[in-house]
Amino acid sequence: MRWLAVLFLLLSSFAWAQTDGEPTEPEISPLRLLGFLSQAKIENPQAGATKFKPADERVAILMLIESLEEEPTAQKELVAGFLEALKPVEALFKEIEAEHDVATAFAFFVASNYSTATGKDLDGPQMKAVIKQFQSGLGSKEMGELEDLDRQMLYETCLFHALLPLLLFGEQETASDEAKALANEQLKEAFRVDASGITVTEKGFVFAKPTN
């Protein structure tokens, strides 16, 4: 599968990257991979490495929804709901001149799940700081060498998991317990800590050291 090629290409240089001074071998999954790489210490991040030229069509959304739901009618409803939910999100990305960027999507993934789990939203300056944080953390030579289509797959995967708790359990003024649980589960998959181990600062997110 194309996913495996993307994952192993990135891991080839970063499987033993330094995070908190200790070499750590990450689990192989898109969220865990991005969470791991985003905290690696890159001496010279490459500007624009996380950006991509989008294809004419979505490349990962249908695959992700098919893995979640087998019934064709339900699949169509989920795809329609997801694409509709994406419109204001990507309009905001364009407004802040951060569109078509894996780092932007990953920042939104973390911010959205953090907000769902805690009820605390990031403001504009905080969100920009987080995007900058992940553009630096993910701005590796290997990320820049991926095909545009590969970066788009990572981008769409981040957006899918950012919106998943709300799509499955409904967007309400206060997130349901199910939505909070899923948001925490996804954050833990990426960083091995849930929202309680994440702090928002003026420079971006600070992640507690995992206990296991």
C-alpha atoms as a PDB file:
ATOM      1  CA  MET A   1       0.000   0.000   0.000  1.00  0.00           C
ATOM      2  CA  ARG A   2       1.147   3.557  -0.642  1.00  0.00           C
ATOM      3  CA  TRP A   3       0.792   4.362   3.065  1.00  0.00           C
ATOM      4  CA  LEU A   4       3.547   1.918   3.953  1.00  0.00           C
ATOM      5  CA  ALA A   5       5.932   3.531   1.495  1.00  0.00           C
ATOM      6  CA  VAL A   6       5.256   6.969   3.016  1.00  0.00           C
ATOM      7  CA  LEU A   7       5.639   5.748   6.578  1.00  0.00           C
ATOM      8  CA  PHE A   8       8.839   3.841   6.010  1.00  0.00           C
ATOM      9  CA  LEU A   9      10.395   6.639   3.956  1.00  0.00           C
ATOM     10  CA  LEU A  10       9.905   9.065   6.835  1.00  0.00           C
ATOM     11  CA  LEU A  11      10.912   6.555   9.478  1.00  0.00           C
ATOM     12  CA  SER A  12      14.097   5.650   7.628  1.00  0.00           C
ATOM     13  CA  SER A  13      15.756   8.825   8.910  1.00  0.00           C
ATOM     14  CA  PHE A  14      13.832   9.442  12.118  1.00  0.00           C
ATOM     15  CA  ALA A  15      13.183   6.058  13.714  1.00  0.00           C
ATOM     16  CA  TRP A  16      15.814   6.978  16.294  1.00  0.00           C
ATOM     17  CA  ALA A  17      15.411  10.765  16.332  1.00  0.00           C
ATOM     18  CA  GLN A  18      16.134  12.538  19.606  1.00  0.00           C
ATOM     19  CA  THR A  19      13.040  13.445  21.601  1.00  0.00           C
ATOM     20  CA  ASP A  20      13.659  14.616  25.184  1.00  0.00           C
ATOM     21  CA  GLY A  21      17.234  13.402  24.851  1.00  0.00           C
ATOM     22  CA  GLU A  22      16.338   9.736  24.549  1.00  0.00           C
ATOM     23  CA  PRO A  23      16.140   7.715  21.309  1.00  0.00           C
ATOM     24  CA  THR A  24      12.659   6.285  20.908  1.00  0.00           C
ATOM     25  CA  GLU A  25      11.324   3.946  18.260  1.00  0.00           C
ATOM     26  CA  PRO A  26       7.784   5.080  17.297  1.00  0.00           C
ATOM     27  CA  GLU A  27       4.791   2.902  16.553  1.00  0.00           C
ATOM     28  CA  ILE A  28       3.937   2.917  12.857  1.00  0.00           C
ATOM     29  CA  SER A  29       0.646   4.747  12.311  1.00  0.00           C
ATOM     30  CA  PRO A  30       0.053   8.102  10.597  1.00  0.00           C
ATOM     31  CA  LEU A  31      -0.918   9.928  13.811  1.00  0.00           C
ATOM     32  CA  ARG A  32       1.870   8.372  15.882  1.00  0.00           C
ATOM     33  CA  LEU A  33       4.368   9.060  13.106  1.00  0.00           C
ATOM     34  CA  LEU A  34       3.447  12.755  12.899  1.00  0.00           C
ATOM     35  CA  GLY A  35       3.325  13.096  16.669  1.00  0.00           C
ATOM     36  CA  PHE A  36       6.787  11.556  16.953  1.00  0.00           C
ATOM     37  CA  LEU A  37       8.349  13.547  14.112  1.00  0.00           C
ATOM     38  CA  SER A  38       6.764  16.828  15.228  1.00  0.00           C
ATOM     39  CA  GLN A  39       8.808  16.658  18.432  1.00  0.00           C
ATOM     40  CA  ALA A  40      12.083  15.598  16.833  1.00  0.00           C
ATOM     41  CA  LYS A  41      14.839  18.183  17.015  1.00  0.00           C
ATOM     42  CA  ILE A  42      15.640  19.280  13.453  1.00  0.00           C
ATOM     43  CA  GLU A  43      18.643  21.594  13.224  1.00  0.00           C
ATOM     44  CA  ASN A  44      17.691  23.211   9.924  1.00  0.00           C
ATOM     45  CA  PRO A  45      13.965  22.859   9.144  1.00  0.00           C
ATOM     46  CA  GLN A  46      13.212  23.270   5.450  1.00  0.00           C
ATOM     47  CA  ALA A  47      10.818  26.080   4.649  1.00  0.00           C
ATOM     48  CA  GLY A  48       7.822  24.772   2.715  1.00  0.00           C
ATOM     49  CA  ALA A  49       8.621  21.097   3.331  1.00  0.00           C
ATOM     50  CA  THR A  50       5.128  20.448   4.690  1.00  0.00           C
ATOM     51  CA  LYS A  51       3.270  22.186   1.868  1.00  0.00           C
ATOM     52  CA  PHE A  52       1.835  20.438  -1.199  1.00  0.00           C
ATOM     53  CA  LYS A  53       0.118  21.122  -4.488  1.00  0.00           C
ATOM     54  CA  PRO A  54      -3.347  19.573  -4.123  1.00  0.00           C
ATOM     55  CA  ALA A  55      -4.707  17.003  -6.533  1.00  0.00           C
ATOM     56  CA  ASP A  56      -8.015  17.607  -8.289  1.00  0.00           C
ATOM     57  CA  GLU A  57      -9.744  15.174  -5.931  1.00  0.00           C
ATOM     58  CA  ARG A  58      -9.460  14.059  -2.320  1.00  0.00           C
ATOM     59  CA  VAL A  59      -7.063  11.156  -2.020  1.00  0.00           C
ATOM     60  CA  ALA A  60      -7.532   9.666   1.461  1.00  0.00           C
ATOM     61  CA  ILE A  61     -10.982  10.546   2.745  1.00  0.00           C
ATOM     62  CA  LEU A  62     -12.940   7.787   1.035  1.00  0.00           C
ATOM     63  CA  MET A  63     -10.378   5.187   2.105  1.00  0.00           C
ATOM     64  CA  LEU A  64     -10.564   6.346   5.718  1.00  0.00           C
ATOM     65  CA  ILE A  65     -14.356   6.371   5.781  1.00  0.00           C
ATOM     66  CA  GLU A  66     -14.509   2.929   4.159  1.00  0.00           C
ATOM     67  CA  SER A  67     -12.342   1.642   6.997  1.00  0.00           C
ATOM     68  CA  LEU A  68     -14.812   3.115   9.459  1.00  0.00           C
ATOM     69  CA  GLU A  69     -18.144   2.188   7.861  1.00  0.00           C
ATOM     70  CA  GLU A  70     -18.952  -0.672   5.475  1.00  0.00           C
ATOM     71  CA  GLU A  71     -22.569   0.172   4.601  1.00  0.00           C
ATOM     72  CA  PRO A  72     -22.637   2.166   1.282  1.00  0.00           C
ATOM     73  CA  THR A  73     -25.436   4.577   2.241  1.00  0.00           C
ATOM     74  CA  ALA A  74     -23.801   5.373   5.563  1.00  0.00           C
ATOM     75  CA  GLN A  75     -20.483   5.837   3.768  1.00  0.00           C
ATOM     76  CA  LYS A  76     -22.021   8.424   1.436  1.00  0.00           C
ATOM     77  CA  GLU A  77     -23.571  10.280   4.372  1.00  0.00           C
ATOM     78  CA  LEU A  78     -20.262  10.361   6.222  1.00  0.00           C
ATOM     79  CA  VAL A  79     -18.376  11.561   3.143  1.00  0.00           C
ATOM     80  CA  ALA A  80     -20.945  14.319   2.550  1.00  0.00           C
ATOM     81  CA  GLY A  81     -20.867  15.348   6.208  1.00  0.00           C
ATOM     82  CA  PHE A  82     -17.102  15.386   6.299  1.00  0.00           C
ATOM     83  CA  LEU A  83     -16.716  17.445   3.122  1.00  0.00           C
ATOM     84  CA  GLU A  84     -19.297  19.943   4.374  1.00  0.00           C
ATOM     85  CA  ALA A  85     -17.518  20.246   7.723  1.00  0.00           C
ATOM     86  CA  LEU A  86     -14.237  20.841   5.892  1.00  0.00           C
ATOM     87  CA  LYS A  87     -15.456  23.936   4.048  1.00  0.00           C
ATOM     88  CA  PRO A  88     -15.152  26.475   6.899  1.00  0.00           C
ATOM     89  CA  VAL A  89     -11.970  24.815   8.153  1.00  0.00           C
ATOM     90  CA  GLU A  90     -10.151  25.095   4.834  1.00  0.00           C
ATOM     91  CA  ALA A  91     -11.583  28.591   4.301  1.00  0.00           C
ATOM     92  CA  LEU A  92      -9.890  29.572   7.564  1.00  0.00           C
ATOM     93  CA  PHE A  93      -6.630  27.955   6.447  1.00  0.00           C
ATOM     94  CA  LYS A  94      -6.765  30.043   3.288  1.00  0.00           C
ATOM     95  CA  GLU A  95      -7.596  33.205   5.237  1.00  0.00           C
ATOM     96  CA  ILE A  96      -4.491  32.854   7.395  1.00  0.00           C
ATOM     97  CA  GLU A  97      -2.383  31.828   4.361  1.00  0.00           C
ATOM     98  CA  ALA A  98      -1.682  28.357   5.721  1.00  0.00           C
ATOM     99  CA  GLU A  99      -3.592  26.199   3.246  1.00  0.00           C
ATOM    100  CA  HIS A 100      -2.353  22.937   1.650  1.00  0.00           C
ATOM    101  CA  ASP A 101       0.043  22.267   4.506  1.00  0.00           C
ATOM    102  CA  VAL A 102       0.520  19.076   6.538  1.00  0.00           C
ATOM    103  CA  ALA A 103       1.648  21.159   9.529  1.00  0.00           C
ATOM    104  CA  THR A 104      -1.546  23.221   9.449  1.00  0.00           C
ATOM    105  CA  ALA A 105      -3.706  20.113   9.332  1.00  0.00           C
ATOM    106  CA  PHE A 106      -1.748  18.459  12.143  1.00  0.00           C
ATOM    107  CA  ALA A 107      -2.020  21.616  14.247  1.00  0.00           C
ATOM    108  CA  PHE A 108      -5.774  21.589  13.638  1.00  0.00           C
ATOM    109  CA  PHE A 109      -5.930  17.905  14.575  1.00  0.00           C
ATOM    110  CA  VAL A 110      -4.284  18.571  17.933  1.00  0.00           C
ATOM    111  CA  ALA A 111      -6.197  21.799  18.603  1.00  0.00           C
ATOM    112  CA  SER A 112      -9.568  20.298  17.671  1.00  0.00           C
ATOM    113  CA  ASN A 113      -9.146  17.187  19.803  1.00  0.00           C
ATOM    114  CA  TYR A 114      -7.725  19.239  22.675  1.00  0.00           C
ATOM    115  CA  SER A 115     -10.737  21.561  22.475  1.00  0.00           C
ATOM    116  CA  THR A 116     -13.204  18.651  22.322  1.00  0.00           C
ATOM    117  CA  ALA A 117     -11.590  16.964  25.314  1.00  0.00           C
ATOM    118  CA  THR A 118     -11.164  20.062  27.501  1.00  0.00           C
ATOM    119  CA  GLY A 119     -13.705  22.598  26.270  1.00  0.00           C
ATOM    120  CA  LYS A 120     -10.876  25.118  25.806  1.00  0.00           C
ATOM    121  CA  ASP A 121     -10.390  26.732  22.378  1.00  0.00           C
ATOM    122  CA  LEU A 122      -7.165  28.170  21.008  1.00  0.00           C
ATOM    123  CA  ASP A 123      -7.263  31.816  19.957  1.00  0.00           C
ATOM    124  CA  GLY A 124      -5.843  33.131  16.685  1.00  0.00           C
ATOM    125  CA  PRO A 125      -2.296  33.877  17.910  1.00  0.00           C
ATOM    126  CA  GLN A 126      -2.087  30.518  19.692  1.00  0.00           C
ATOM    127  CA  MET A 127      -3.178  28.658  16.561  1.00  0.00           C
ATOM    128  CA  LYS A 128      -0.608  30.476  14.434  1.00  0.00           C
ATOM    129  CA  ALA A 129       2.074  29.606  16.986  1.00  0.00           C
ATOM    130  CA  VAL A 130       1.094  25.932  16.855  1.00  0.00           C
ATOM    131  CA  ILE A 131       1.210  25.894  13.042  1.00  0.00           C
ATOM    132  CA  LYS A 132       4.676  27.461  13.148  1.00  0.00           C
ATOM    133  CA  GLN A 133       5.728  24.904  15.783  1.00  0.00           C
ATOM    134  CA  PHE A 134       4.729  21.988  13.567  1.00  0.00           C
ATOM    135  CA  GLN A 135       6.102  23.534  10.372  1.00  0.00           C
ATOM    136  CA  SER A 136       9.439  23.518  12.152  1.00  0.00           C
ATOM    137  CA  GLY A 137       9.061  20.077  13.737  1.00  0.00           C
ATOM    138  CA  LEU A 138       7.835  18.423  10.550  1.00  0.00           C
ATOM    139  CA  GLY A 139      10.039  20.415   8.196  1.00  0.00           C
ATOM    140  CA  SER A 140      12.500  17.647   7.501  1.00  0.00           C
ATOM    141  CA  LYS A 141      14.347  16.911   4.280  1.00  0.00           C
ATOM    142  CA  GLU A 142      12.437  13.611   4.074  1.00  0.00           C
ATOM    143  CA  MET A 143       9.064  15.332   4.376  1.00  0.00           C
ATOM    144  CA  GLY A 144      10.055  17.713   1.596  1.00  0.00           C
ATOM    145  CA  GLU A 145      11.077  14.794  -0.632  1.00  0.00           C
ATOM    146  CA  LEU A 146       7.668  13.132  -0.463  1.00  0.00           C
ATOM    147  CA  GLU A 147       5.379  13.437  -3.469  1.00  0.00           C
ATOM    148  CA  ASP A 148       2.630  16.057  -3.240  1.00  0.00           C
ATOM    149  CA  LEU A 149       0.097  13.230  -3.200  1.00  0.00           C
ATOM    150  CA  ASP A 150       1.763  11.680  -0.152  1.00  0.00           C
ATOM    151  CA  ARG A 151       1.721  14.939   1.774  1.00  0.00           C
ATOM    152  CA  GLN A 152      -1.912  15.396   0.782  1.00  0.00           C
ATOM    153  CA  MET A 153      -2.705  11.959   2.223  1.00  0.00           C
ATOM    154  CA  LEU A 154      -1.131  12.960   5.540  1.00  0.00           C
ATOM    155  CA  TYR A 155      -3.022  16.277   5.437  1.00  0.00           C
ATOM    156  CA  GLU A 156      -6.390  14.624   4.843  1.00  0.00           C
ATOM    157  CA  THR A 157      -5.726  12.022   7.520  1.00  0.00           C
ATOM    158  CA  CYS A 158      -5.124  14.784  10.069  1.00  0.00           C
ATOM    159  CA  LEU A 159      -8.335  16.574   9.098  1.00  0.00           C
ATOM    160  CA  PHE A 160     -10.300  13.330   9.208  1.00  0.00           C
ATOM    161  CA  HIS A 161      -9.202  12.605  12.775  1.00  0.00           C
ATOM    162  CA  ALA A 162      -9.682  16.242  13.780  1.00  0.00           C
ATOM    163  CA  LEU A 163     -13.357  16.156  12.810  1.00  0.00           C
ATOM    164  CA  LEU A 164     -14.096  12.508  13.653  1.00  0.00           C
ATOM    165  CA  PRO A 165     -15.310  12.987  17.264  1.00  0.00           C
ATOM    166  CA  LEU A 166     -17.799  15.657  16.217  1.00  0.00           C
ATOM    167  CA  LEU A 167     -18.975  13.780  13.122  1.00  0.00           C
ATOM    168  CA  LEU A 168     -19.590  10.560  15.036  1.00  0.00           C
ATOM    169  CA  PHE A 169     -21.106  11.998  18.197  1.00  0.00           C
ATOM    170  CA  GLY A 170     -22.591  15.300  17.038  1.00  0.00           C
ATOM    171  CA  GLU A 171     -21.429  18.893  17.383  1.00  0.00           C
ATOM    172  CA  GLN A 172     -22.882  20.336  20.579  1.00  0.00           C
ATOM    173  CA  GLU A 173     -22.195  23.324  22.803  1.00  0.00           C
ATOM    174  CA  THR A 174     -20.600  20.863  25.231  1.00  0.00           C
ATOM    175  CA  ALA A 175     -18.909  17.775  23.814  1.00  0.00           C
ATOM    176  CA  SER A 176     -20.434  14.433  24.776  1.00  0.00           C
ATOM    177  CA  ASP A 177     -18.537  11.978  26.945  1.00  0.00           C
ATOM    178  CA  GLU A 178     -18.095   9.756  23.878  1.00  0.00           C
ATOM    179  CA  ALA A 179     -16.589  12.616  21.854  1.00  0.00           C
ATOM    180  CA  LYS A 180     -14.246  13.546  24.717  1.00  0.00           C
ATOM    181  CA  ALA A 181     -13.131   9.928  25.085  1.00  0.00           C
ATOM    182  CA  LEU A 182     -12.376   9.590  21.370  1.00  0.00           C
ATOM    183  CA  ALA A 183     -10.539  12.936  21.306  1.00  0.00           C
ATOM    184  CA  ASN A 184      -8.346  11.842  24.208  1.00  0.00           C
ATOM    185  CA  GLU A 185      -7.769   8.456  22.576  1.00  0.00           C
ATOM    186  CA  GLN A 186      -6.580  10.099  19.352  1.00  0.00           C
ATOM    187  CA  LEU A 187      -4.272  12.508  21.183  1.00  0.00           C
ATOM    188  CA  LYS A 188      -2.816   9.583  23.104  1.00  0.00           C
ATOM    189  CA  GLU A 189      -2.232   7.697  19.852  1.00  0.00           C
ATOM    190  CA  ALA A 190      -0.245  10.632  18.500  1.00  0.00           C
ATOM    191  CA  PHE A 191       1.658  11.699  21.625  1.00  0.00           C
ATOM    192  CA  ARG A 192       1.131   8.932  24.203  1.00  0.00           C
ATOM    193  CA  VAL A 193      -0.560  11.508  26.462  1.00  0.00           C
ATOM    194  CA  ASP A 194      -4.168  12.698  26.473  1.00  0.00           C
ATOM    195  CA  ALA A 195      -5.364  16.302  26.765  1.00  0.00           C
ATOM    196  CA  SER A 196      -4.487  16.423  30.466  1.00  0.00           C
ATOM    197  CA  GLY A 197      -0.818  16.137  29.471  1.00  0.00           C
ATOM    198  CA  ILE A 198      -0.917  19.028  26.989  1.00  0.00           C
ATOM    199  CA  THR A 199      -0.285  22.677  27.848  1.00  0.00           C
ATOM    200  CA  VAL A 200      -0.891  25.615  25.497  1.00  0.00           C
ATOM    201  CA  THR A 201       1.753  28.355  25.558  1.00  0.00           C
ATOM    202  CA  GLU A 202       2.508  31.402  23.446  1.00  0.00           C
ATOM    203  CA  LYS A 203       5.018  29.273  21.510  1.00  0.00           C
ATOM    204  CA  GLY A 204       2.683  26.322  20.898  1.00  0.00           C
ATOM    205  CA  PHE A 205       1.908  23.043  22.625  1.00  0.00           C
ATOM    206  CA  VAL A 206       4.022  21.516  25.374  1.00  0.00           C
ATOM    207  CA  PHE A 207       3.552  17.766  25.834  1.00  0.00           C
ATOM    208  CA  ALA A 208       4.133  15.978  29.120  1.00  0.00           C
ATOM    209  CA  LYS A 209       6.519  13.057  29.110  1.00  0.00           C
ATOM    210  CA  PRO A 210       4.549   9.805  28.711  1.00  0.00           C
ATOM    211  CA  THR A 211       4.300   7.704  31.846  1.00  0.00           C
ATOM    212  CA  ASN A 212       4.496   4.378  29.985  1.00  0.00           C
END
